[in-house]
Structures are given as structure tokens and as C-alpha cells.
Amino acid sequence: MPCHTEKVDNGVEIRRFTGSYLAANMYVIPDGDHAFVVDPVENEEAFLYLKAFGDITVLLTHEHFDHIDGLNRLVREHPCTVIAQKKCSESIQDSRKNLSALARVMLEIVGEKTDREPEPFVCPEADLVFEDRYDFVWMGQKAELTATPGHSPGSACMLMDRCLFSGDSLLQRGPMNRFPGGSDKTYRKQTVPVLNGLLGKCDMVYPGHGEPFAPPEKLL
């Protein structure tokens, strides 16, 4: 699938690439020699594009294999700083917790055929780990990272320049179905209130799957 590019109100560019599994989204925000990558997936066009950058910051919205299958290649080929919620960082180091050990079965269940045969894999721990909240500034843009457990134990969202990168914690069709390790109870109790607070601060949601969409007023 070709890259999709758009610009938000202040001219910030966001490029969206799609991965090999379950059409997972990878976002790239370029700024000079720097790039911010959300959920690195295996996409040849994306890796060709990233060759132009000397410094890359990476955010993992959660630990599932379809959103991190490009991480090992990215850190091998580029100088990167990887940011993740603590449980996400722990889970990417375990093929069962990142679900890559279950990938074949999961893809068969949803009836997805892929040219890349899924194999179990692990990734190194993140360089920067946070628990509930982490705020920082990237190239003049304030980024607010917030833990949003439920879809997975290590899920998190990022608000940057009124853009909400939600991973699988919020999709246009509603909350993502819970996978092994997820919890509907945790999602409703902890994450729905957090997301409702974030929705009023954003103009667009950039989800882990599907097209970007305007935020709903409130999640029930």
C-alpha cells in the first residue's frame, strides 16, 4: 500500500505507511535531519524513506507483533532512541507477550494471507521507559505520553500538536477487541476516562489500524 501524506495546520507533515500484518499503521513525522516514528513496521518504502534521516526517535504504542515487526531492523540500520511504556518494553522481549509466537494462529483466525510468514521474535528493551505519564519536547513540539492499558498491558497514546496517536487503544470503529493479555475491565476503568480527557485536546486521531479520523466528543 502506498504512503499517505498529510500536513496539519502548522505545516507539520505526517506520513503513514502500512505493515505486513493486519494492515498496522506506522507514522513518520520528519523535521530536517530528524524523524519521529510511531510503531515501526516492516515496509520497504518506509525504510527507503528513512535513509534520509540521521536521528530517529521511536514511540511504541504497544507491544503487539504487528506494530513492532520493523523495530529490530530500524535500530540495526539507524541511530534510534526508543520510547515505550514499561510493560510494553518488558513484553517486546518475550515472543509470547508480544504475540509473535501466536501470530500464525491469529492470522489464520482472521483469514489474513501474507507474503511474509510470521515467526516468533523478540526486541531489545526500550531506551526510555515510563509508567503512567511522560512529557517531552521533540523539535519544538510538545509530546504528552500517557499509559492507556486495556488493549494490552503496555498500551500508550501520544498527543503531539493536537494529533492523537492512539495505537489500538482507540480505532474509528471503537475500542479494539482485546487480545491475550488485555482487559476490558481495565480499559473501561482506567483508559476510557484518560481518552475522554485527551479527545478534547486533539483535532485528529491517528490510529493503529485504518484511516485517521476526527475525534468523537466522548467515549461511553
N, C-alpha and C. Protein backbone atom coordinates (compact mmCIF):
# COMPACT_ATOMS: atom_id res chain seq x y z
N MET A 1 0.84 -1.19 0.00
CA MET A 1 0.00 0.00 0.00
C MET A 1 0.88 1.24 0.00
N PRO A 2 0.57 2.24 -0.85
CA PRO A 2 1.41 3.43 -0.93
C PRO A 2 1.35 4.26 0.33
N CYS A 3 2.37 5.11 0.49
CA CYS A 3 2.44 6.01 1.64
C CYS A 3 1.36 7.09 1.50
N HIS A 4 0.76 7.46 2.61
CA HIS A 4 -0.19 8.56 2.65
C HIS A 4 0.45 9.72 3.40
N THR A 5 0.36 10.92 2.86
CA THR A 5 0.99 12.08 3.47
C THR A 5 -0.03 13.19 3.67
N GLU A 6 0.03 13.84 4.83
CA GLU A 6 -0.82 14.99 5.07
C GLU A 6 -0.07 15.99 5.94
N LYS A 7 -0.57 17.21 5.97
CA LYS A 7 0.01 18.24 6.81
C LYS A 7 -1.05 18.77 7.75
N VAL A 8 -0.68 18.95 9.01
CA VAL A 8 -1.60 19.55 9.97
C VAL A 8 -1.48 21.06 9.87
N ASP A 9 -2.26 21.77 10.66
CA ASP A 9 -2.42 23.21 10.50
C ASP A 9 -1.11 24.00 10.50
N ASN A 10 -0.15 23.59 11.33
CA ASN A 10 1.09 24.37 11.41
C ASN A 10 2.15 23.90 10.42
N GLY A 11 1.76 23.05 9.48
CA GLY A 11 2.69 22.61 8.45
C GLY A 11 3.44 21.34 8.79
N VAL A 12 3.24 20.78 9.97
CA VAL A 12 3.89 19.51 10.33
C VAL A 12 3.39 18.42 9.38
N GLU A 13 4.32 17.65 8.86
CA GLU A 13 3.99 16.59 7.91
C GLU A 13 3.90 15.25 8.63
N ILE A 14 2.91 14.47 8.30
CA ILE A 14 2.75 13.14 8.86
C ILE A 14 2.60 12.15 7.70
N ARG A 15 3.51 11.17 7.65
CA ARG A 15 3.44 10.14 6.63
C ARG A 15 2.98 8.83 7.26
N ARG A 16 2.08 8.14 6.58
CA ARG A 16 1.54 6.89 7.09
C ARG A 16 1.87 5.74 6.15
N PHE A 17 2.49 4.71 6.72
CA PHE A 17 2.83 3.50 5.99
C PHE A 17 2.09 2.33 6.62
N THR A 18 1.86 1.28 5.84
CA THR A 18 1.13 0.13 6.34
C THR A 18 2.04 -1.09 6.40
N GLY A 19 1.93 -1.86 7.47
CA GLY A 19 2.79 -3.01 7.68
C GLY A 19 2.31 -4.27 7.01
N SER A 20 3.07 -5.34 7.23
CA SER A 20 2.79 -6.63 6.59
C SER A 20 1.63 -7.37 7.23
N TYR A 21 1.37 -7.09 8.51
CA TYR A 21 0.37 -7.86 9.23
C TYR A 21 -0.78 -6.99 9.70
N LEU A 22 -2.00 -7.42 9.40
CA LEU A 22 -3.22 -6.79 9.90
C LEU A 22 -3.31 -5.30 9.54
N ALA A 23 -2.62 -4.91 8.47
CA ALA A 23 -2.65 -3.52 7.98
C ALA A 23 -2.35 -2.52 9.08
N ALA A 24 -1.36 -2.83 9.92
CA ALA A 24 -1.00 -1.93 11.01
C ALA A 24 -0.34 -0.67 10.47
N ASN A 25 -0.65 0.46 11.07
CA ASN A 25 -0.11 1.75 10.63
C ASN A 25 1.21 2.08 11.31
N MET A 26 2.09 2.66 10.52
CA MET A 26 3.35 3.25 11.00
C MET A 26 3.33 4.72 10.57
N TYR A 27 3.63 5.62 11.50
CA TYR A 27 3.63 7.05 11.19
C TYR A 27 5.05 7.60 11.28
N VAL A 28 5.38 8.48 10.34
CA VAL A 28 6.68 9.14 10.35
C VAL A 28 6.47 10.64 10.26
N ILE A 29 7.04 11.37 11.22
CA ILE A 29 6.99 12.83 11.23
C ILE A 29 8.40 13.33 10.97
N PRO A 30 8.67 13.94 9.81
CA PRO A 30 10.01 14.41 9.50
C PRO A 30 10.24 15.85 9.95
N ASP A 31 11.49 16.15 10.33
CA ASP A 31 11.87 17.52 10.66
C ASP A 31 13.38 17.65 10.42
N GLY A 32 13.74 18.18 9.26
CA GLY A 32 15.16 18.31 8.92
C GLY A 32 15.83 16.95 8.86
N ASP A 33 16.89 16.79 9.66
CA ASP A 33 17.63 15.54 9.70
C ASP A 33 17.04 14.56 10.71
N HIS A 34 15.93 14.96 11.34
CA HIS A 34 15.33 14.15 12.40
C HIS A 34 13.99 13.58 11.94
N ALA A 35 13.65 12.43 12.49
CA ALA A 35 12.35 11.83 12.22
C ALA A 35 11.80 11.22 13.50
N PHE A 36 10.49 11.34 13.66
CA PHE A 36 9.79 10.70 14.77
C PHE A 36 8.96 9.57 14.17
N VAL A 37 9.16 8.36 14.65
CA VAL A 37 8.46 7.19 14.12
C VAL A 37 7.55 6.62 15.19
N VAL A 38 6.30 6.41 14.84
CA VAL A 38 5.34 5.76 15.74
C VAL A 38 5.07 4.36 15.19
N ASP A 39 5.40 3.34 15.94
CA ASP A 39 5.13 1.93 15.62
C ASP A 39 5.82 1.49 14.32
N PRO A 40 7.11 1.20 14.37
CA PRO A 40 7.84 0.79 13.17
C PRO A 40 7.43 -0.60 12.68
N VAL A 41 6.92 -0.66 11.47
CA VAL A 41 6.53 -1.92 10.86
C VAL A 41 7.45 -2.21 9.68
N GLU A 42 7.39 -3.42 9.19
CA GLU A 42 8.21 -3.80 8.05
C GLU A 42 7.53 -3.31 6.78
N ASN A 43 8.09 -2.26 6.20
CA ASN A 43 7.55 -1.67 4.98
C ASN A 43 8.74 -1.11 4.21
N GLU A 44 9.02 -1.65 3.05
CA GLU A 44 10.22 -1.29 2.32
C GLU A 44 10.24 0.18 1.92
N GLU A 45 9.11 0.70 1.53
CA GLU A 45 9.03 2.13 1.17
C GLU A 45 9.39 3.01 2.36
N ALA A 46 8.94 2.62 3.54
CA ALA A 46 9.25 3.39 4.74
C ALA A 46 10.74 3.37 5.04
N PHE A 47 11.38 2.23 4.91
CA PHE A 47 12.80 2.14 5.21
C PHE A 47 13.65 2.89 4.18
N LEU A 48 13.22 2.91 2.94
CA LEU A 48 13.92 3.71 1.94
C LEU A 48 13.80 5.19 2.28
N TYR A 49 12.62 5.61 2.70
CA TYR A 49 12.40 7.00 3.08
C TYR A 49 13.25 7.39 4.28
N LEU A 50 13.36 6.50 5.26
CA LEU A 50 14.08 6.80 6.50
C LEU A 50 15.60 6.87 6.31
N LYS A 51 16.10 6.43 5.19
CA LYS A 51 17.54 6.53 4.94
C LYS A 51 18.02 7.98 4.94
N ALA A 52 17.12 8.91 4.70
CA ALA A 52 17.50 10.33 4.61
C ALA A 52 17.74 10.97 5.97
N PHE A 53 17.42 10.25 7.08
CA PHE A 53 17.47 10.87 8.40
C PHE A 53 18.63 10.33 9.23
N GLY A 54 19.27 11.25 9.96
CA GLY A 54 20.42 10.87 10.77
C GLY A 54 20.07 10.54 12.20
N ASP A 55 18.88 10.97 12.64
CA ASP A 55 18.49 10.75 14.03
C ASP A 55 17.01 10.41 14.06
N ILE A 56 16.66 9.32 14.74
CA ILE A 56 15.27 8.85 14.76
C ILE A 56 14.82 8.58 16.19
N THR A 57 13.69 9.15 16.54
CA THR A 57 13.04 8.86 17.82
C THR A 57 11.85 7.96 17.53
N VAL A 58 11.70 6.91 18.33
CA VAL A 58 10.66 5.91 18.09
C VAL A 58 9.74 5.82 19.30
N LEU A 59 8.44 5.81 19.05
CA LEU A 59 7.46 5.53 20.09
C LEU A 59 6.75 4.23 19.75
N LEU A 60 6.65 3.33 20.72
CA LEU A 60 5.84 2.13 20.58
C LEU A 60 4.53 2.35 21.32
N THR A 61 3.41 2.30 20.61
CA THR A 61 2.13 2.49 21.28
C THR A 61 1.71 1.26 22.08
N HIS A 62 2.24 0.11 21.69
CA HIS A 62 2.03 -1.11 22.47
C HIS A 62 2.91 -2.22 21.91
N GLU A 63 2.86 -3.38 22.54
CA GLU A 63 3.84 -4.43 22.32
C GLU A 63 3.51 -5.45 21.25
N HIS A 64 2.36 -5.40 20.61
CA HIS A 64 1.94 -6.46 19.71
C HIS A 64 2.76 -6.53 18.44
N PHE A 65 2.98 -7.76 17.96
CA PHE A 65 3.91 -8.04 16.87
C PHE A 65 3.62 -7.25 15.60
N ASP A 66 2.35 -6.99 15.30
CA ASP A 66 2.03 -6.30 14.05
C ASP A 66 2.44 -4.84 14.06
N HIS A 67 2.75 -4.30 15.25
CA HIS A 67 3.16 -2.90 15.37
C HIS A 67 4.65 -2.72 15.63
N ILE A 68 5.38 -3.82 15.82
CA ILE A 68 6.81 -3.71 16.14
C ILE A 68 7.68 -4.58 15.24
N ASP A 69 7.11 -5.16 14.18
CA ASP A 69 7.91 -6.12 13.41
C ASP A 69 9.02 -5.45 12.60
N GLY A 70 9.02 -4.12 12.53
CA GLY A 70 10.11 -3.41 11.87
C GLY A 70 11.13 -2.82 12.84
N LEU A 71 10.91 -3.01 14.15
CA LEU A 71 11.76 -2.36 15.14
C LEU A 71 13.21 -2.85 15.10
N ASN A 72 13.40 -4.15 15.05
CA ASN A 72 14.78 -4.67 15.05
C ASN A 72 15.58 -4.15 13.85
N ARG A 73 14.95 -4.12 12.71
CA ARG A 73 15.65 -3.60 11.52
C ARG A 73 15.94 -2.11 11.67
N LEU A 74 15.00 -1.38 12.21
CA LEU A 74 15.18 0.06 12.35
C LEU A 74 16.35 0.39 13.27
N VAL A 75 16.43 -0.26 14.43
CA VAL A 75 17.52 0.05 15.36
C VAL A 75 18.85 -0.50 14.86
N ARG A 76 18.79 -1.48 14.00
CA ARG A 76 20.03 -2.00 13.41
C ARG A 76 20.59 -1.07 12.34
N GLU A 77 19.72 -0.42 11.60
CA GLU A 77 20.15 0.40 10.46
C GLU A 77 20.28 1.88 10.78
N HIS A 78 19.72 2.34 11.92
CA HIS A 78 19.73 3.77 12.22
C HIS A 78 20.03 4.01 13.70
N PRO A 79 20.61 5.17 14.01
CA PRO A 79 20.70 5.58 15.41
C PRO A 79 19.30 5.96 15.90
N CYS A 80 18.82 5.24 16.90
CA CYS A 80 17.44 5.44 17.37
C CYS A 80 17.38 5.57 18.89
N THR A 81 16.39 6.31 19.34
CA THR A 81 16.00 6.32 20.73
C THR A 81 14.58 5.79 20.79
N VAL A 82 14.40 4.66 21.47
CA VAL A 82 13.10 4.00 21.52
C VAL A 82 12.43 4.30 22.86
N ILE A 83 11.18 4.78 22.78
CA ILE A 83 10.39 5.12 23.97
C ILE A 83 9.21 4.17 24.07
N ALA A 84 8.95 3.66 25.28
CA ALA A 84 7.82 2.75 25.46
C ALA A 84 7.36 2.77 26.92
N GLN A 85 6.09 2.46 27.11
CA GLN A 85 5.59 2.23 28.45
C GLN A 85 6.32 1.02 29.05
N LYS A 86 6.49 1.01 30.35
CA LYS A 86 7.31 -0.02 31.00
C LYS A 86 6.89 -1.44 30.64
N LYS A 87 5.62 -1.75 30.71
CA LYS A 87 5.16 -3.10 30.42
C LYS A 87 5.32 -3.44 28.94
N CYS A 88 5.21 -2.43 28.09
CA CYS A 88 5.47 -2.64 26.67
C CYS A 88 6.93 -3.03 26.46
N SER A 89 7.84 -2.29 27.08
CA SER A 89 9.27 -2.58 26.96
C SER A 89 9.59 -3.99 27.44
N GLU A 90 8.94 -4.40 28.52
CA GLU A 90 9.17 -5.76 29.03
C GLU A 90 8.59 -6.81 28.08
N SER A 91 7.42 -6.54 27.52
CA SER A 91 6.73 -7.54 26.70
C SER A 91 7.36 -7.74 25.33
N ILE A 92 7.98 -6.70 24.76
CA ILE A 92 8.59 -6.89 23.44
C ILE A 92 9.78 -7.83 23.51
N GLN A 93 10.26 -8.11 24.71
CA GLN A 93 11.38 -9.03 24.90
C GLN A 93 10.94 -10.48 25.06
N ASP A 94 9.64 -10.73 24.91
CA ASP A 94 9.07 -12.06 25.09
C ASP A 94 8.14 -12.36 23.91
N SER A 95 8.42 -13.41 23.16
CA SER A 95 7.66 -13.70 21.95
C SER A 95 6.21 -14.08 22.22
N ARG A 96 5.92 -14.55 23.42
CA ARG A 96 4.52 -14.85 23.75
C ARG A 96 3.77 -13.59 24.15
N LYS A 97 4.44 -12.71 24.89
CA LYS A 97 3.78 -11.47 25.32
C LYS A 97 3.64 -10.48 24.17
N ASN A 98 4.54 -10.51 23.19
CA ASN A 98 4.36 -9.62 22.03
C ASN A 98 3.50 -10.29 20.96
N LEU A 99 3.05 -11.52 21.26
CA LEU A 99 2.12 -12.30 20.45
C LEU A 99 2.70 -12.81 19.13
N SER A 100 3.99 -12.60 18.88
CA SER A 100 4.56 -13.13 17.64
C SER A 100 4.58 -14.65 17.66
N ALA A 101 4.65 -15.26 18.85
CA ALA A 101 4.61 -16.72 18.95
C ALA A 101 3.24 -17.27 18.57
N LEU A 102 2.22 -16.41 18.61
CA LEU A 102 0.86 -16.80 18.28
C LEU A 102 0.40 -16.24 16.94
N ALA A 103 1.31 -15.59 16.22
CA ALA A 103 0.93 -14.83 15.02
C ALA A 103 0.29 -15.70 13.95
N ARG A 104 0.86 -16.87 13.70
CA ARG A 104 0.30 -17.72 12.65
C ARG A 104 -1.16 -18.07 12.93
N VAL A 105 -1.43 -18.46 14.17
CA VAL A 105 -2.79 -18.83 14.55
C VAL A 105 -3.72 -17.63 14.44
N MET A 106 -3.26 -16.47 14.92
CA MET A 106 -4.10 -15.27 14.90
C MET A 106 -4.43 -14.85 13.48
N LEU A 107 -3.46 -14.93 12.58
CA LEU A 107 -3.70 -14.55 11.19
C LEU A 107 -4.65 -15.54 10.52
N GLU A 108 -4.54 -16.82 10.86
CA GLU A 108 -5.45 -17.82 10.32
C GLU A 108 -6.88 -17.56 10.80
N ILE A 109 -7.02 -17.18 12.06
CA ILE A 109 -8.35 -16.94 12.62
C ILE A 109 -9.06 -15.80 11.89
N VAL A 110 -8.32 -14.74 11.58
CA VAL A 110 -8.94 -13.59 10.89
C VAL A 110 -8.94 -13.76 9.38
N GLY A 111 -8.36 -14.87 8.90
CA GLY A 111 -8.35 -15.15 7.46
C GLY A 111 -7.42 -14.28 6.65
N GLU A 112 -6.36 -13.79 7.28
CA GLU A 112 -5.42 -12.93 6.55
C GLU A 112 -4.29 -13.74 5.95
N LYS A 113 -4.05 -13.51 4.65
CA LYS A 113 -2.93 -14.14 3.96
C LYS A 113 -1.84 -13.10 3.77
N THR A 114 -0.59 -13.49 3.96
CA THR A 114 0.52 -12.55 3.85
C THR A 114 1.69 -13.20 3.14
N ASP A 115 2.47 -12.38 2.45
CA ASP A 115 3.66 -12.87 1.76
C ASP A 115 4.78 -13.18 2.74
N ARG A 116 4.71 -12.60 3.95
CA ARG A 116 5.74 -12.81 4.97
C ARG A 116 5.23 -13.81 6.00
N GLU A 117 5.86 -14.97 6.04
CA GLU A 117 5.47 -15.99 7.01
C GLU A 117 5.88 -15.51 8.40
N PRO A 118 4.93 -15.37 9.33
CA PRO A 118 5.28 -14.85 10.66
C PRO A 118 6.08 -15.87 11.46
N GLU A 119 7.10 -15.39 12.13
CA GLU A 119 7.93 -16.21 13.00
C GLU A 119 8.05 -15.51 14.35
N PRO A 120 8.19 -16.26 15.43
CA PRO A 120 8.39 -15.63 16.75
C PRO A 120 9.64 -14.78 16.77
N PHE A 121 9.59 -13.63 17.41
CA PHE A 121 10.76 -12.76 17.52
C PHE A 121 10.68 -11.96 18.82
N VAL A 122 11.80 -11.41 19.21
CA VAL A 122 11.87 -10.52 20.37
C VAL A 122 12.63 -9.27 19.96
N CYS A 123 12.47 -8.21 20.75
CA CYS A 123 13.17 -6.95 20.53
C CYS A 123 13.89 -6.56 21.81
N PRO A 124 14.93 -5.73 21.69
CA PRO A 124 15.61 -5.26 22.91
C PRO A 124 14.72 -4.30 23.69
N GLU A 125 15.01 -4.13 24.96
CA GLU A 125 14.24 -3.21 25.80
C GLU A 125 14.35 -1.79 25.26
N ALA A 126 13.37 -0.97 25.57
CA ALA A 126 13.37 0.42 25.11
C ALA A 126 14.46 1.22 25.80
N ASP A 127 14.89 2.29 25.15
CA ASP A 127 15.92 3.17 25.73
C ASP A 127 15.35 4.05 26.82
N LEU A 128 14.12 4.47 26.64
CA LEU A 128 13.46 5.35 27.60
C LEU A 128 12.12 4.73 27.97
N VAL A 129 11.93 4.45 29.26
CA VAL A 129 10.74 3.77 29.73
C VAL A 129 9.97 4.66 30.70
N PHE A 130 8.65 4.69 30.57
CA PHE A 130 7.82 5.45 31.50
C PHE A 130 6.70 4.56 32.01
N GLU A 131 6.04 5.00 33.07
CA GLU A 131 4.93 4.21 33.63
C GLU A 131 3.58 4.84 33.31
N ASP A 132 3.20 5.90 34.00
CA ASP A 132 1.88 6.50 33.78
C ASP A 132 1.89 7.64 32.78
N ARG A 133 2.92 8.47 32.85
CA ARG A 133 2.92 9.69 32.03
C ARG A 133 4.36 10.13 31.78
N TYR A 134 4.61 10.65 30.58
CA TYR A 134 5.92 11.20 30.26
C TYR A 134 5.73 12.32 29.24
N ASP A 135 6.19 13.52 29.57
CA ASP A 135 6.11 14.67 28.68
C ASP A 135 7.52 15.06 28.24
N PHE A 136 7.67 15.43 26.99
CA PHE A 136 8.95 15.90 26.49
C PHE A 136 8.71 16.78 25.27
N VAL A 137 9.77 17.41 24.79
CA VAL A 137 9.68 18.27 23.61
C VAL A 137 10.56 17.68 22.53
N TRP A 138 9.98 17.47 21.35
CA TRP A 138 10.73 16.96 20.20
C TRP A 138 10.68 18.01 19.10
N MET A 139 11.83 18.55 18.74
CA MET A 139 11.94 19.54 17.66
C MET A 139 10.92 20.67 17.82
N GLY A 140 10.79 21.14 19.04
CA GLY A 140 9.89 22.25 19.33
C GLY A 140 8.44 21.86 19.53
N GLN A 141 8.12 20.58 19.35
CA GLN A 141 6.76 20.11 19.51
C GLN A 141 6.61 19.39 20.86
N LYS A 142 5.65 19.82 21.66
CA LYS A 142 5.41 19.15 22.94
C LYS A 142 4.71 17.82 22.71
N ALA A 143 5.24 16.78 23.32
CA ALA A 143 4.65 15.45 23.23
C ALA A 143 4.23 15.00 24.62
N GLU A 144 3.01 14.52 24.74
CA GLU A 144 2.49 14.02 26.00
C GLU A 144 2.18 12.53 25.83
N LEU A 145 2.89 11.69 26.57
CA LEU A 145 2.68 10.25 26.51
C LEU A 145 1.90 9.82 27.75
N THR A 146 0.87 9.02 27.53
CA THR A 146 0.01 8.59 28.63
C THR A 146 -0.27 7.10 28.50
N ALA A 147 -0.11 6.36 29.58
CA ALA A 147 -0.44 4.94 29.58
C ALA A 147 -1.94 4.75 29.40
N THR A 148 -2.32 3.83 28.52
CA THR A 148 -3.74 3.54 28.26
C THR A 148 -3.94 2.02 28.23
N PRO A 149 -3.74 1.34 29.34
CA PRO A 149 -3.83 -0.12 29.35
C PRO A 149 -5.25 -0.61 29.09
N GLY A 150 -5.33 -1.85 28.64
CA GLY A 150 -6.62 -2.45 28.35
C GLY A 150 -6.53 -3.30 27.11
N HIS A 151 -6.25 -2.67 25.98
CA HIS A 151 -6.00 -3.46 24.77
C HIS A 151 -4.81 -4.37 25.01
N SER A 152 -3.80 -3.84 25.67
CA SER A 152 -2.64 -4.62 26.12
C SER A 152 -2.14 -3.97 27.41
N PRO A 153 -1.36 -4.68 28.21
CA PRO A 153 -0.84 -4.08 29.44
C PRO A 153 0.06 -2.88 29.19
N GLY A 154 0.77 -2.86 28.06
CA GLY A 154 1.73 -1.80 27.80
C GLY A 154 1.28 -0.74 26.82
N SER A 155 -0.02 -0.61 26.61
CA SER A 155 -0.53 0.36 25.65
C SER A 155 -0.35 1.80 26.14
N ALA A 156 -0.13 2.71 25.19
CA ALA A 156 0.03 4.13 25.49
C ALA A 156 -0.40 4.95 24.29
N CYS A 157 -0.78 6.20 24.53
CA CYS A 157 -1.13 7.14 23.47
C CYS A 157 -0.19 8.34 23.53
N MET A 158 -0.04 9.01 22.40
CA MET A 158 0.77 10.22 22.36
C MET A 158 -0.03 11.36 21.76
N LEU A 159 -0.05 12.48 22.47
CA LEU A 159 -0.64 13.71 21.95
C LEU A 159 0.48 14.64 21.56
N MET A 160 0.54 15.00 20.28
CA MET A 160 1.56 15.92 19.78
C MET A 160 0.91 16.88 18.79
N ASP A 161 0.99 18.16 19.08
CA ASP A 161 0.47 19.18 18.18
C ASP A 161 -0.99 18.90 17.80
N ARG A 162 -1.81 18.60 18.80
CA ARG A 162 -3.24 18.33 18.64
C ARG A 162 -3.52 17.12 17.74
N CYS A 163 -2.53 16.24 17.63
CA CYS A 163 -2.69 14.97 16.93
C CYS A 163 -2.56 13.85 17.96
N LEU A 164 -3.54 12.96 18.02
CA LEU A 164 -3.52 11.87 18.98
C LEU A 164 -3.16 10.58 18.28
N PHE A 165 -1.98 10.04 18.60
CA PHE A 165 -1.55 8.76 18.08
C PHE A 165 -1.98 7.70 19.09
N SER A 166 -3.01 6.95 18.73
CA SER A 166 -3.73 6.15 19.71
C SER A 166 -3.40 4.66 19.70
N GLY A 167 -2.56 4.20 18.76
CA GLY A 167 -2.31 2.77 18.68
C GLY A 167 -3.63 2.03 18.53
N ASP A 168 -3.80 0.93 19.27
CA ASP A 168 -5.05 0.19 19.22
C ASP A 168 -5.96 0.50 20.40
N SER A 169 -5.60 1.53 21.16
CA SER A 169 -6.46 1.93 22.28
C SER A 169 -7.71 2.65 21.80
N LEU A 170 -7.66 3.18 20.57
CA LEU A 170 -8.84 3.85 20.01
C LEU A 170 -8.78 3.75 18.49
N LEU A 171 -9.77 3.09 17.91
CA LEU A 171 -9.92 2.98 16.47
C LEU A 171 -11.23 3.63 16.07
N GLN A 172 -11.39 3.90 14.79
CA GLN A 172 -12.60 4.61 14.37
C GLN A 172 -13.87 3.80 14.64
N ARG A 173 -13.75 2.49 14.54
CA ARG A 173 -14.93 1.65 14.78
C ARG A 173 -15.18 1.40 16.25
N GLY A 174 -14.35 1.98 17.11
CA GLY A 174 -14.50 1.79 18.55
C GLY A 174 -13.27 1.13 19.13
N PRO A 175 -13.31 0.79 20.41
CA PRO A 175 -12.17 0.14 21.04
C PRO A 175 -11.81 -1.16 20.35
N MET A 176 -10.53 -1.43 20.24
CA MET A 176 -10.05 -2.66 19.61
C MET A 176 -10.42 -3.87 20.45
N ASN A 177 -10.78 -4.97 19.80
CA ASN A 177 -11.03 -6.21 20.54
C ASN A 177 -9.80 -6.56 21.36
N ARG A 178 -10.02 -7.06 22.55
CA ARG A 178 -8.90 -7.39 23.42
C ARG A 178 -8.21 -8.65 22.96
N PHE A 179 -6.91 -8.65 22.94
CA PHE A 179 -6.10 -9.80 22.62
C PHE A 179 -5.62 -10.46 23.91
N PRO A 180 -4.97 -11.62 23.83
CA PRO A 180 -4.42 -12.23 25.04
C PRO A 180 -3.58 -11.24 25.83
N GLY A 181 -3.86 -11.14 27.13
CA GLY A 181 -3.15 -10.19 27.98
C GLY A 181 -3.90 -8.90 28.18
N GLY A 182 -4.95 -8.66 27.38
CA GLY A 182 -5.73 -7.44 27.51
C GLY A 182 -6.83 -7.58 28.55
N SER A 183 -7.50 -6.47 28.84
CA SER A 183 -8.54 -6.48 29.86
C SER A 183 -9.60 -5.42 29.55
N ASP A 184 -10.84 -5.87 29.32
CA ASP A 184 -11.94 -4.92 29.11
C ASP A 184 -12.18 -4.09 30.37
N LYS A 185 -12.08 -4.72 31.53
CA LYS A 185 -12.32 -4.02 32.78
C LYS A 185 -11.31 -2.89 32.98
N THR A 186 -10.04 -3.19 32.74
CA THR A 186 -9.00 -2.16 32.87
C THR A 186 -9.23 -1.04 31.87
N TYR A 187 -9.61 -1.41 30.65
CA TYR A 187 -9.84 -0.41 29.61
C TYR A 187 -10.94 0.55 30.04
N ARG A 188 -12.06 0.00 30.51
CA ARG A 188 -13.19 0.86 30.88
C ARG A 188 -12.88 1.71 32.11
N LYS A 189 -12.22 1.11 33.09
CA LYS A 189 -12.00 1.81 34.35
C LYS A 189 -10.88 2.83 34.26
N GLN A 190 -9.77 2.48 33.60
CA GLN A 190 -8.60 3.35 33.59
C GLN A 190 -8.46 4.17 32.31
N THR A 191 -8.69 3.52 31.16
CA THR A 191 -8.33 4.17 29.91
C THR A 191 -9.43 5.04 29.32
N VAL A 192 -10.68 4.63 29.43
CA VAL A 192 -11.77 5.47 28.88
C VAL A 192 -11.74 6.88 29.48
N PRO A 193 -11.59 7.05 30.80
CA PRO A 193 -11.50 8.43 31.33
C PRO A 193 -10.29 9.19 30.80
N VAL A 194 -9.17 8.50 30.63
CA VAL A 194 -7.98 9.16 30.09
C VAL A 194 -8.22 9.61 28.65
N LEU A 195 -8.79 8.72 27.84
CA LEU A 195 -9.05 9.07 26.45
C LEU A 195 -10.06 10.21 26.35
N ASN A 196 -11.07 10.21 27.19
CA ASN A 196 -12.05 11.30 27.15
C ASN A 196 -11.38 12.64 27.46
N GLY A 197 -10.36 12.62 28.32
CA GLY A 197 -9.62 13.85 28.59
C GLY A 197 -8.76 14.29 27.42
N LEU A 198 -8.26 13.32 26.66
CA LEU A 198 -7.39 13.63 25.52
C LEU A 198 -8.17 14.06 24.28
N LEU A 199 -9.38 13.55 24.12
CA LEU A 199 -10.14 13.82 22.90
C LEU A 199 -10.42 15.31 22.72
N GLY A 200 -10.63 16.02 23.82
CA GLY A 200 -10.88 17.46 23.72
C GLY A 200 -9.66 18.28 23.39
N LYS A 201 -8.50 17.66 23.43
CA LYS A 201 -7.24 18.36 23.14
C LYS A 201 -6.72 18.07 21.74
N CYS A 202 -7.43 17.22 20.97
CA CYS A 202 -6.90 16.86 19.65
C CYS A 202 -7.88 17.20 18.53
N ASP A 203 -7.32 17.39 17.34
CA ASP A 203 -8.12 17.66 16.16
C ASP A 203 -8.27 16.44 15.27
N MET A 204 -7.36 15.47 15.44
CA MET A 204 -7.37 14.28 14.61
C MET A 204 -6.77 13.11 15.38
N VAL A 205 -7.35 11.93 15.16
CA VAL A 205 -6.84 10.71 15.77
C VAL A 205 -6.12 9.89 14.70
N TYR A 206 -4.90 9.46 15.01
CA TYR A 206 -4.11 8.62 14.12
C TYR A 206 -4.01 7.23 14.75
N PRO A 207 -4.87 6.31 14.30
CA PRO A 207 -4.99 5.02 14.98
C PRO A 207 -3.96 3.99 14.49
N GLY A 208 -3.93 2.86 15.20
CA GLY A 208 -3.01 1.78 14.83
C GLY A 208 -3.46 1.03 13.59
N HIS A 209 -4.74 1.13 13.23
CA HIS A 209 -5.29 0.49 12.03
C HIS A 209 -6.32 1.43 11.43
N GLY A 210 -6.39 1.48 10.12
CA GLY A 210 -7.41 2.28 9.46
C GLY A 210 -6.99 3.72 9.24
N GLU A 211 -7.92 4.48 8.70
CA GLU A 211 -7.68 5.87 8.35
C GLU A 211 -7.72 6.79 9.58
N PRO A 212 -6.95 7.88 9.55
CA PRO A 212 -7.11 8.91 10.59
C PRO A 212 -8.55 9.44 10.59
N PHE A 213 -9.02 9.88 11.75
CA PHE A 213 -10.41 10.32 11.84
C PHE A 213 -10.54 11.44 12.87
N ALA A 214 -11.60 12.22 12.72
CA ALA A 214 -11.89 13.28 13.68
C ALA A 214 -12.32 12.64 15.00
N PRO A 215 -11.89 13.18 16.12
CA PRO A 215 -12.19 12.55 17.40
C PRO A 215 -13.67 12.63 17.76
N PRO A 216 -14.21 11.59 18.36
CA PRO A 216 -15.58 11.68 18.89
C PRO A 216 -15.59 12.61 20.09
N GLU A 217 -16.76 13.10 20.44
CA GLU A 217 -16.85 14.00 21.59
C GLU A 217 -16.53 13.27 22.88
N LYS A 218 -16.97 12.03 22.99
CA LYS A 218 -16.76 11.30 24.24
C LYS A 218 -16.95 9.81 24.01
N LEU A 219 -16.17 9.00 24.71
CA LEU A 219 -16.35 7.57 24.72
C LEU A 219 -17.28 7.20 25.87
N LEU A 220 -18.18 6.29 25.64
CA LEU A 220 -19.13 5.87 26.68
C LEU A 220 -18.53 4.72 27.50
